[in-house]
């Protein structure tokens, strides 16, 4: 197989992502979940799917922030407990 230049790789990858999104759409699978896992396929979503993607992405980011704050709070409580025991 000959080596592809950057432009040829980009075209090949775009074709693959487009095909995968179409296959999932035909099968009735969650296309947005696929794109959340692989952002390169975003440009192949429909307008409604892009809207759904952005909503779900925002929700996931909020959940990550909440988890990080909770983890930080638990660590602080653990450290405080260690100091009060001594």
C-alpha atoms as a PDB file:
ATOM      1  CA  UNK A   1       0.000   0.000   0.000  1.00  0.00           C
ATOM      2  CA  UNK A   2       1.424   3.344  -0.949  1.00  0.00           C
ATOM      3  CA  UNK A   3       1.741   6.073   1.614  1.00  0.00           C
ATOM      4  CA  UNK A   4      -0.954   8.710   1.506  1.00  0.00           C
ATOM      5  CA  UNK A   5      -0.279  12.379   1.857  1.00  0.00           C
ATOM      6  CA  UNK A   6      -2.131  14.442   4.431  1.00  0.00           C
ATOM      7  CA  UNK A   7      -4.907  15.502   2.067  1.00  0.00           C
ATOM      8  CA  UNK A   8      -5.535  11.933   0.900  1.00  0.00           C
ATOM      9  CA  UNK A   9      -5.656  10.689   4.515  1.00  0.00           C
ATOM     10  CA  UNK A  10      -8.136  13.425   5.409  1.00  0.00           C
ATOM     11  CA  UNK A  11     -10.414  12.470   2.498  1.00  0.00           C
ATOM     12  CA  UNK A  12     -10.142   8.770   3.381  1.00  0.00           C
ATOM     13  CA  UNK A  13     -10.911   9.416   7.056  1.00  0.00           C
ATOM     14  CA  UNK A  14     -13.854  11.675   6.222  1.00  0.00           C
ATOM     15  CA  UNK A  15     -15.282   8.974   3.958  1.00  0.00           C
ATOM     16  CA  UNK A  16     -14.920   6.410   6.744  1.00  0.00           C
ATOM     17  CA  UNK A  17     -16.550   8.603   9.381  1.00  0.00           C
ATOM     18  CA  UNK A  18     -19.371   9.512   7.024  1.00  0.00           C
ATOM     19  CA  UNK A  19     -19.951   5.848   6.243  1.00  0.00           C
ATOM     20  CA  UNK A  20     -19.924   4.861   9.931  1.00  0.00           C
ATOM     21  CA  UNK A  21     -22.390   7.587  10.872  1.00  0.00           C
ATOM     22  CA  UNK A  22     -24.691   6.574   8.014  1.00  0.00           C
ATOM     23  CA  UNK A  23     -24.482   2.898   9.013  1.00  0.00           C
ATOM     24  CA  UNK A  24     -25.415   3.689  12.602  1.00  0.00           C
ATOM     25  CA  UNK A  25     -28.244   5.934  11.470  1.00  0.00           C
ATOM     26  CA  UNK A  26     -29.641   3.161   9.225  1.00  0.00           C
ATOM     27  CA  UNK A  27     -29.385   0.604  12.051  1.00  0.00           C
ATOM     28  CA  UNK A  28     -31.231   2.985  14.365  1.00  0.00           C
ATOM     29  CA  UNK A  29     -28.297   3.258  16.746  1.00  0.00           C
ATOM     30  CA  UNK A  30     -27.460   6.352  18.768  1.00  0.00           C
ATOM     31  CA  UNK A  31     -25.398   8.410  16.325  1.00  0.00           C
ATOM     32  CA  UNK A  32     -24.840  11.169  18.872  1.00  0.00           C
ATOM     33  CA  UNK A  33     -23.227   8.728  21.319  1.00  0.00           C
ATOM     34  CA  UNK A  34     -20.818   7.654  18.569  1.00  0.00           C
ATOM     35  CA  UNK A  35     -19.893  11.271  17.885  1.00  0.00           C
ATOM     36  CA  UNK A  36     -19.437  11.966  21.604  1.00  0.00           C
ATOM     37  CA  UNK A  37     -16.824   9.218  21.565  1.00  0.00           C
ATOM     38  CA  UNK A  38     -15.304  10.392  18.299  1.00  0.00           C
ATOM     39  CA  UNK A  39     -15.542  14.142  17.683  1.00  0.00           C
ATOM     40  CA  UNK A  40     -14.167  13.866  14.154  1.00  0.00           C
ATOM     41  CA  UNK A  41     -17.521  12.560  12.983  1.00  0.00           C
ATOM     42  CA  UNK A  42     -19.368  15.701  14.166  1.00  0.00           C
ATOM     43  CA  UNK A  43     -19.559  17.274  10.720  1.00  0.00           C
ATOM     44  CA  UNK A  44     -21.626  14.355   9.418  1.00  0.00           C
ATOM     45  CA  UNK A  45     -24.520  14.897  11.843  1.00  0.00           C
ATOM     46  CA  UNK A  46     -27.798  16.461  10.852  1.00  0.00           C
ATOM     47  CA  UNK A  47     -28.810  19.802  12.352  1.00  0.00           C
ATOM     48  CA  UNK A  48     -31.043  18.118  14.949  1.00  0.00           C
ATOM     49  CA  UNK A  49     -28.327  15.626  15.853  1.00  0.00           C
ATOM     50  CA  UNK A  50     -25.797  18.453  16.272  1.00  0.00           C
ATOM     51  CA  UNK A  51     -28.195  20.214  18.646  1.00  0.00           C
ATOM     52  CA  UNK A  52     -28.642  17.000  20.634  1.00  0.00           C
ATOM     53  CA  UNK A  53     -24.867  16.481  20.642  1.00  0.00           C
ATOM     54  CA  UNK A  54     -24.234  19.922  22.113  1.00  0.00           C
ATOM     55  CA  UNK A  55     -26.878  19.427  24.798  1.00  0.00           C
ATOM     56  CA  UNK A  56     -25.493  16.042  25.812  1.00  0.00           C
ATOM     57  CA  UNK A  57     -21.930  17.324  25.718  1.00  0.00           C
ATOM     58  CA  UNK A  58     -22.856  20.195  28.047  1.00  0.00           C
ATOM     59  CA  UNK A  59     -24.578  17.749  30.396  1.00  0.00           C
ATOM     60  CA  UNK A  60     -21.513  15.504  30.449  1.00  0.00           C
ATOM     61  CA  UNK A  61     -19.265  18.472  31.186  1.00  0.00           C
ATOM     62  CA  UNK A  62     -21.501  19.567  34.053  1.00  0.00           C
ATOM     63  CA  UNK A  63     -21.468  16.040  35.475  1.00  0.00           C
ATOM     64  CA  UNK A  64     -17.674  15.963  35.247  1.00  0.00           C
ATOM     65  CA  UNK A  65     -17.436  19.275  37.098  1.00  0.00           C
ATOM     66  CA  UNK A  66     -19.771  18.046  39.829  1.00  0.00           C
ATOM     67  CA  UNK A  67     -17.780  14.813  40.214  1.00  0.00           C
ATOM     68  CA  UNK A  68     -14.513  16.730  40.401  1.00  0.00           C
ATOM     69  CA  UNK A  69     -15.901  19.057  43.072  1.00  0.00           C
ATOM     70  CA  UNK A  70     -17.257  16.096  45.030  1.00  0.00           C
ATOM     71  CA  UNK A  71     -13.904  14.321  44.838  1.00  0.00           C
ATOM     72  CA  UNK A  72     -12.130  17.486  45.970  1.00  0.00           C
ATOM     73  CA  UNK A  73     -14.554  17.900  48.875  1.00  0.00           C
ATOM     74  CA  UNK A  74     -14.035  14.278  49.933  1.00  0.00           C
ATOM     75  CA  UNK A  75     -10.255  14.741  49.875  1.00  0.00           C
ATOM     76  CA  UNK A  76     -10.546  17.887  52.002  1.00  0.00           C
ATOM     77  CA  UNK A  77     -12.753  16.079  54.506  1.00  0.00           C
ATOM     78  CA  UNK A  78     -10.291  13.191  54.641  1.00  0.00           C
ATOM     79  CA  UNK A  79      -7.385  15.567  55.278  1.00  0.00           C
ATOM     80  CA  UNK A  80      -9.352  17.411  57.972  1.00  0.00           C
ATOM     81  CA  UNK A  81     -10.229  14.118  59.627  1.00  0.00           C
ATOM     82  CA  UNK A  82      -6.549  13.136  59.709  1.00  0.00           C
ATOM     83  CA  UNK A  83      -5.606  16.416  61.383  1.00  0.00           C
ATOM     84  CA  UNK A  84      -8.380  16.234  63.965  1.00  0.00           C
ATOM     85  CA  UNK A  85      -7.390  12.659  64.910  1.00  0.00           C
ATOM     86  CA  UNK A  86      -3.893  13.748  65.920  1.00  0.00           C
END
